[in-house]
Amino acid sequence: MEIWINPACSKCRSALTLLDAEGADYTVRKYLEDVPSAAEIRDVLERLGLEPWDITRTGEAVAKELGVKEWGREPADRERWIEALSAHPKLIQRPIITADDGSAVVGRSEEAVRDALGRG
């Protein structure tokens, strides 16, 4: 199990606290320092069952600078979003937990983190 975190994020810290309390075996990836490649983002999106616009933090300053709220949300627009997430990792919703069964969840709630724990 791997968790993508921003240490400054309270939701990330809460997820780590819960994982620790449950004795989970996991690896931390500080994704602002160890930036995911476009290929890694594609893989996580597939595991999540989501599109890149679903995990984009559109309220971030860089999102406003890029104008992402106005970007298309069709299959043809997908790569533009993925490249933006890789180039500007602050845009990636957090925390993202990849489970050993090949799935992933956005762990913004205790329920989501527990769901990831249940997947192993």
N, C-alpha and C. Protein backbone atom coordinates (compact mmCIF):
# COMPACT_ATOMS: atom_id res chain seq x y z
N MET A 1 0.85 -1.17 0.00
CA MET A 1 0.00 0.00 0.00
C MET A 1 0.90 1.23 0.00
N GLU A 2 0.53 2.20 -0.83
CA GLU A 2 1.27 3.46 -0.89
C GLU A 2 0.28 4.60 -0.71
N ILE A 3 0.72 5.66 -0.02
CA ILE A 3 -0.14 6.82 0.16
C ILE A 3 0.62 8.05 -0.32
N TRP A 4 -0.03 8.79 -1.23
CA TRP A 4 0.54 10.04 -1.74
C TRP A 4 0.05 11.15 -0.82
N ILE A 5 1.01 11.86 -0.21
CA ILE A 5 0.63 12.90 0.74
C ILE A 5 1.36 14.21 0.51
N ASN A 6 0.76 15.25 1.06
CA ASN A 6 1.39 16.55 1.27
C ASN A 6 1.41 16.68 2.80
N PRO A 7 2.60 16.69 3.42
CA PRO A 7 2.67 16.73 4.88
C PRO A 7 1.94 17.92 5.51
N ALA A 8 1.72 18.99 4.75
CA ALA A 8 1.03 20.17 5.27
C ALA A 8 -0.49 19.99 5.28
N CYS A 9 -0.99 18.92 4.69
CA CYS A 9 -2.43 18.68 4.54
C CYS A 9 -3.00 17.93 5.75
N SER A 10 -4.03 18.51 6.37
CA SER A 10 -4.63 17.87 7.55
C SER A 10 -5.30 16.54 7.20
N LYS A 11 -5.90 16.43 6.02
CA LYS A 11 -6.54 15.17 5.61
C LYS A 11 -5.49 14.08 5.46
N CYS A 12 -4.30 14.45 4.96
CA CYS A 12 -3.21 13.48 4.81
C CYS A 12 -2.73 13.02 6.17
N ARG A 13 -2.55 13.96 7.08
CA ARG A 13 -2.10 13.60 8.43
C ARG A 13 -3.13 12.71 9.13
N SER A 14 -4.40 13.00 8.94
CA SER A 14 -5.46 12.17 9.53
C SER A 14 -5.42 10.75 8.96
N ALA A 15 -5.22 10.65 7.66
CA ALA A 15 -5.14 9.33 7.02
C ALA A 15 -3.95 8.54 7.57
N LEU A 16 -2.80 9.20 7.72
CA LEU A 16 -1.62 8.52 8.26
C LEU A 16 -1.87 8.06 9.70
N THR A 17 -2.52 8.90 10.49
CA THR A 17 -2.83 8.54 11.88
C THR A 17 -3.70 7.28 11.92
N LEU A 18 -4.70 7.23 11.05
CA LEU A 18 -5.59 6.08 11.01
C LEU A 18 -4.84 4.83 10.53
N LEU A 19 -4.02 4.96 9.49
CA LEU A 19 -3.25 3.82 9.01
C LEU A 19 -2.34 3.28 10.11
N ASP A 20 -1.70 4.20 10.83
CA ASP A 20 -0.82 3.79 11.93
C ASP A 20 -1.61 3.09 13.04
N ALA A 21 -2.77 3.65 13.38
CA ALA A 21 -3.59 3.08 14.45
C ALA A 21 -4.04 1.66 14.09
N GLU A 22 -4.23 1.41 12.80
CA GLU A 22 -4.67 0.09 12.34
C GLU A 22 -3.50 -0.85 12.05
N GLY A 23 -2.28 -0.35 12.26
CA GLY A 23 -1.09 -1.18 12.03
C GLY A 23 -0.86 -1.51 10.56
N ALA A 24 -1.29 -0.64 9.67
CA ALA A 24 -1.16 -0.89 8.23
C ALA A 24 0.30 -0.83 7.80
N ASP A 25 0.63 -1.64 6.80
CA ASP A 25 1.95 -1.63 6.19
C ASP A 25 1.84 -0.77 4.93
N TYR A 26 2.50 0.38 4.94
CA TYR A 26 2.37 1.29 3.82
C TYR A 26 3.67 2.07 3.60
N THR A 27 3.76 2.65 2.42
CA THR A 27 4.87 3.50 2.04
C THR A 27 4.33 4.90 1.80
N VAL A 28 5.04 5.91 2.29
CA VAL A 28 4.63 7.31 2.09
C VAL A 28 5.35 7.86 0.87
N ARG A 29 4.61 8.53 0.03
CA ARG A 29 5.19 9.25 -1.10
C ARG A 29 4.79 10.71 -0.97
N LYS A 30 5.77 11.55 -0.72
CA LYS A 30 5.52 12.99 -0.68
C LYS A 30 5.53 13.48 -2.12
N TYR A 31 4.35 13.50 -2.71
CA TYR A 31 4.25 13.68 -4.15
C TYR A 31 4.63 15.08 -4.65
N LEU A 32 4.76 16.05 -3.75
CA LEU A 32 5.24 17.36 -4.19
C LEU A 32 6.75 17.33 -4.40
N GLU A 33 7.44 16.40 -3.72
CA GLU A 33 8.89 16.24 -3.89
C GLU A 33 9.20 15.13 -4.89
N ASP A 34 8.49 14.03 -4.80
CA ASP A 34 8.66 12.88 -5.69
C ASP A 34 7.46 12.89 -6.64
N VAL A 35 7.55 13.77 -7.62
CA VAL A 35 6.41 14.08 -8.50
C VAL A 35 6.07 12.88 -9.40
N PRO A 36 4.80 12.49 -9.41
CA PRO A 36 4.39 11.38 -10.28
C PRO A 36 4.50 11.76 -11.76
N SER A 37 4.94 10.80 -12.54
CA SER A 37 5.01 10.99 -13.99
C SER A 37 3.60 10.92 -14.56
N ALA A 38 3.46 11.33 -15.80
CA ALA A 38 2.16 11.22 -16.47
C ALA A 38 1.70 9.76 -16.49
N ALA A 39 2.63 8.83 -16.71
CA ALA A 39 2.28 7.40 -16.74
C ALA A 39 1.78 6.94 -15.37
N GLU A 40 2.41 7.41 -14.30
CA GLU A 40 1.95 7.03 -12.95
C GLU A 40 0.57 7.62 -12.67
N ILE A 41 0.32 8.82 -13.12
CA ILE A 41 -1.00 9.44 -12.94
C ILE A 41 -2.05 8.65 -13.72
N ARG A 42 -1.72 8.25 -14.95
CA ARG A 42 -2.66 7.44 -15.73
C ARG A 42 -2.99 6.14 -14.99
N ASP A 43 -1.96 5.50 -14.42
CA ASP A 43 -2.15 4.25 -13.69
C ASP A 43 -3.06 4.47 -12.48
N VAL A 44 -2.79 5.51 -11.70
CA VAL A 44 -3.61 5.80 -10.52
C VAL A 44 -5.04 6.11 -10.92
N LEU A 45 -5.23 6.85 -12.00
CA LEU A 45 -6.59 7.16 -12.46
C LEU A 45 -7.34 5.88 -12.81
N GLU A 46 -6.66 4.95 -13.48
CA GLU A 46 -7.29 3.69 -13.82
C GLU A 46 -7.66 2.92 -12.55
N ARG A 47 -6.75 2.91 -11.57
CA ARG A 47 -7.01 2.22 -10.31
C ARG A 47 -8.16 2.87 -9.54
N LEU A 48 -8.25 4.20 -9.63
CA LEU A 48 -9.33 4.93 -8.97
C LEU A 48 -10.66 4.79 -9.70
N GLY A 49 -10.59 4.56 -11.02
CA GLY A 49 -11.80 4.56 -11.83
C GLY A 49 -12.31 5.97 -12.06
N LEU A 50 -11.37 6.95 -12.08
CA LEU A 50 -11.74 8.35 -12.23
C LEU A 50 -11.03 8.98 -13.42
N GLU A 51 -11.46 10.17 -13.77
CA GLU A 51 -10.82 10.96 -14.81
C GLU A 51 -9.92 12.00 -14.15
N PRO A 52 -8.97 12.55 -14.89
CA PRO A 52 -8.03 13.51 -14.27
C PRO A 52 -8.72 14.73 -13.67
N TRP A 53 -9.79 15.19 -14.29
CA TRP A 53 -10.50 16.36 -13.75
C TRP A 53 -11.19 16.03 -12.42
N ASP A 54 -11.42 14.74 -12.17
CA ASP A 54 -12.03 14.32 -10.90
C ASP A 54 -11.08 14.44 -9.72
N ILE A 55 -9.76 14.43 -9.98
CA ILE A 55 -8.78 14.51 -8.89
C ILE A 55 -7.97 15.80 -8.95
N THR A 56 -8.48 16.79 -9.68
CA THR A 56 -7.79 18.07 -9.80
C THR A 56 -8.33 19.07 -8.79
N ARG A 57 -7.42 19.68 -8.07
CA ARG A 57 -7.78 20.71 -7.08
C ARG A 57 -7.93 22.03 -7.83
N THR A 58 -9.12 22.31 -8.28
CA THR A 58 -9.36 23.48 -9.14
C THR A 58 -9.30 24.80 -8.39
N GLY A 59 -9.28 24.75 -7.06
CA GLY A 59 -9.20 25.99 -6.28
C GLY A 59 -7.78 26.49 -6.04
N GLU A 60 -6.78 25.68 -6.42
CA GLU A 60 -5.38 26.09 -6.24
C GLU A 60 -5.06 27.28 -7.14
N ALA A 61 -4.13 28.12 -6.69
CA ALA A 61 -3.73 29.30 -7.47
C ALA A 61 -3.25 28.91 -8.86
N VAL A 62 -2.46 27.85 -8.97
CA VAL A 62 -1.95 27.44 -10.28
C VAL A 62 -3.09 26.98 -11.19
N ALA A 63 -4.14 26.41 -10.63
CA ALA A 63 -5.30 26.00 -11.43
C ALA A 63 -5.98 27.22 -12.02
N LYS A 64 -6.06 28.27 -11.22
CA LYS A 64 -6.67 29.51 -11.72
C LYS A 64 -5.79 30.14 -12.80
N GLU A 65 -4.47 30.11 -12.58
CA GLU A 65 -3.54 30.65 -13.59
C GLU A 65 -3.67 29.91 -14.92
N LEU A 66 -3.82 28.58 -14.82
CA LEU A 66 -3.93 27.75 -16.03
C LEU A 66 -5.33 27.81 -16.65
N GLY A 67 -6.31 28.22 -15.85
CA GLY A 67 -7.69 28.27 -16.34
C GLY A 67 -8.33 26.91 -16.48
N VAL A 68 -7.95 25.95 -15.61
CA VAL A 68 -8.44 24.58 -15.77
C VAL A 68 -9.96 24.44 -15.68
N LYS A 69 -10.62 25.32 -14.97
CA LYS A 69 -12.08 25.21 -14.86
C LYS A 69 -12.76 25.33 -16.23
N GLU A 70 -12.08 25.99 -17.16
CA GLU A 70 -12.64 26.16 -18.50
C GLU A 70 -12.22 25.06 -19.47
N TRP A 71 -11.32 24.18 -19.05
CA TRP A 71 -10.84 23.12 -19.94
C TRP A 71 -11.96 22.11 -20.21
N GLY A 72 -11.89 21.52 -21.39
CA GLY A 72 -12.85 20.48 -21.74
C GLY A 72 -12.69 19.25 -20.87
N ARG A 73 -13.76 18.48 -20.79
CA ARG A 73 -13.76 17.26 -19.98
C ARG A 73 -14.24 16.08 -20.82
N GLU A 74 -13.64 15.97 -21.96
CA GLU A 74 -13.95 14.89 -22.89
C GLU A 74 -12.71 14.01 -23.03
N PRO A 75 -12.86 12.79 -23.57
CA PRO A 75 -11.69 11.92 -23.73
C PRO A 75 -10.51 12.60 -24.45
N ALA A 76 -10.79 13.45 -25.40
CA ALA A 76 -9.72 14.14 -26.14
C ALA A 76 -8.95 15.12 -25.26
N ASP A 77 -9.54 15.56 -24.16
CA ASP A 77 -8.90 16.53 -23.26
C ASP A 77 -8.09 15.86 -22.15
N ARG A 78 -8.23 14.56 -22.02
CA ARG A 78 -7.65 13.82 -20.91
C ARG A 78 -6.14 14.05 -20.75
N GLU A 79 -5.37 13.96 -21.82
CA GLU A 79 -3.92 14.09 -21.74
C GLU A 79 -3.49 15.48 -21.27
N ARG A 80 -4.22 16.50 -21.69
CA ARG A 80 -3.90 17.86 -21.24
C ARG A 80 -3.98 17.94 -19.72
N TRP A 81 -5.02 17.35 -19.15
CA TRP A 81 -5.21 17.35 -17.70
C TRP A 81 -4.09 16.56 -17.02
N ILE A 82 -3.79 15.38 -17.56
CA ILE A 82 -2.75 14.52 -16.96
C ILE A 82 -1.41 15.23 -16.98
N GLU A 83 -1.07 15.86 -18.08
CA GLU A 83 0.20 16.59 -18.17
C GLU A 83 0.23 17.74 -17.16
N ALA A 84 -0.89 18.42 -16.96
CA ALA A 84 -0.96 19.51 -15.99
C ALA A 84 -0.74 18.98 -14.57
N LEU A 85 -1.33 17.83 -14.26
CA LEU A 85 -1.17 17.24 -12.92
C LEU A 85 0.29 16.85 -12.67
N SER A 86 0.94 16.34 -13.69
CA SER A 86 2.34 15.96 -13.54
C SER A 86 3.25 17.19 -13.46
N ALA A 87 2.94 18.21 -14.23
CA ALA A 87 3.75 19.44 -14.23
C ALA A 87 3.52 20.28 -12.98
N HIS A 88 2.32 20.17 -12.41
CA HIS A 88 1.93 20.98 -11.24
C HIS A 88 1.29 20.06 -10.19
N PRO A 89 2.11 19.29 -9.47
CA PRO A 89 1.54 18.29 -8.56
C PRO A 89 0.65 18.85 -7.45
N LYS A 90 0.75 20.15 -7.17
CA LYS A 90 -0.16 20.74 -6.17
C LYS A 90 -1.62 20.58 -6.59
N LEU A 91 -1.85 20.35 -7.86
CA LEU A 91 -3.20 20.19 -8.38
C LEU A 91 -3.81 18.83 -8.03
N ILE A 92 -3.00 17.87 -7.62
CA ILE A 92 -3.48 16.52 -7.37
C ILE A 92 -4.21 16.46 -6.02
N GLN A 93 -5.44 15.95 -6.06
CA GLN A 93 -6.21 15.75 -4.83
C GLN A 93 -5.46 14.78 -3.93
N ARG A 94 -5.60 14.96 -2.63
CA ARG A 94 -4.84 14.15 -1.69
C ARG A 94 -5.67 13.82 -0.47
N PRO A 95 -5.26 12.79 0.25
CA PRO A 95 -4.26 11.78 -0.09
C PRO A 95 -4.84 10.73 -1.04
N ILE A 96 -3.99 10.13 -1.82
CA ILE A 96 -4.38 9.01 -2.68
C ILE A 96 -3.70 7.77 -2.11
N ILE A 97 -4.49 6.75 -1.86
CA ILE A 97 -3.98 5.50 -1.31
C ILE A 97 -4.14 4.41 -2.36
N THR A 98 -3.03 3.78 -2.74
CA THR A 98 -3.08 2.66 -3.67
C THR A 98 -3.00 1.38 -2.84
N ALA A 99 -3.98 0.52 -3.01
CA ALA A 99 -4.07 -0.72 -2.25
C ALA A 99 -3.36 -1.85 -2.99
N ASP A 100 -3.00 -2.86 -2.23
CA ASP A 100 -2.27 -3.99 -2.80
C ASP A 100 -3.09 -4.81 -3.78
N ASP A 101 -4.41 -4.67 -3.74
CA ASP A 101 -5.26 -5.43 -4.66
C ASP A 101 -5.37 -4.77 -6.04
N GLY A 102 -4.63 -3.66 -6.24
CA GLY A 102 -4.65 -2.98 -7.53
C GLY A 102 -5.61 -1.81 -7.60
N SER A 103 -6.39 -1.60 -6.57
CA SER A 103 -7.34 -0.48 -6.56
C SER A 103 -6.69 0.73 -5.88
N ALA A 104 -7.43 1.82 -5.82
CA ALA A 104 -6.96 3.03 -5.15
C ALA A 104 -8.17 3.81 -4.68
N VAL A 105 -7.95 4.67 -3.68
CA VAL A 105 -9.01 5.56 -3.19
C VAL A 105 -8.41 6.92 -2.90
N VAL A 106 -9.25 7.94 -2.99
CA VAL A 106 -8.87 9.27 -2.51
C VAL A 106 -9.32 9.27 -1.05
N GLY A 107 -8.34 9.29 -0.13
CA GLY A 107 -8.62 9.09 1.28
C GLY A 107 -8.93 10.35 2.05
N ARG A 108 -9.91 11.10 1.60
CA ARG A 108 -10.25 12.36 2.26
C ARG A 108 -11.19 12.18 3.45
N SER A 109 -11.68 10.97 3.64
CA SER A 109 -12.55 10.70 4.79
C SER A 109 -12.06 9.44 5.49
N GLU A 110 -12.46 9.28 6.74
CA GLU A 110 -12.09 8.07 7.48
C GLU A 110 -12.65 6.84 6.77
N GLU A 111 -13.85 6.95 6.23
CA GLU A 111 -14.48 5.82 5.54
C GLU A 111 -13.65 5.39 4.33
N ALA A 112 -13.13 6.36 3.57
CA ALA A 112 -12.33 6.04 2.39
C ALA A 112 -11.03 5.35 2.79
N VAL A 113 -10.40 5.83 3.86
CA VAL A 113 -9.15 5.22 4.33
C VAL A 113 -9.44 3.79 4.81
N ARG A 114 -10.53 3.60 5.53
CA ARG A 114 -10.89 2.26 5.99
C ARG A 114 -11.20 1.35 4.80
N ASP A 115 -11.79 1.91 3.75
CA ASP A 115 -12.06 1.13 2.54
C ASP A 115 -10.74 0.64 1.95
N ALA A 116 -9.73 1.51 1.89
CA ALA A 116 -8.42 1.10 1.37
C ALA A 116 -7.81 0.03 2.26
N LEU A 117 -7.95 0.17 3.56
CA LEU A 117 -7.42 -0.85 4.49
C LEU A 117 -8.07 -2.20 4.23
N GLY A 118 -9.35 -2.20 3.94
CA GLY A 118 -10.06 -3.44 3.69
C GLY A 118 -9.64 -4.13 2.40
N ARG A 119 -9.03 -3.37 1.52
CA ARG A 119 -8.59 -3.93 0.23
C ARG A 119 -7.18 -4.52 0.33
N GLY A 120 -6.51 -4.24 1.45
CA GLY A 120 -5.18 -4.81 1.65
C GLY A 120 -4.08 -4.09 0.98
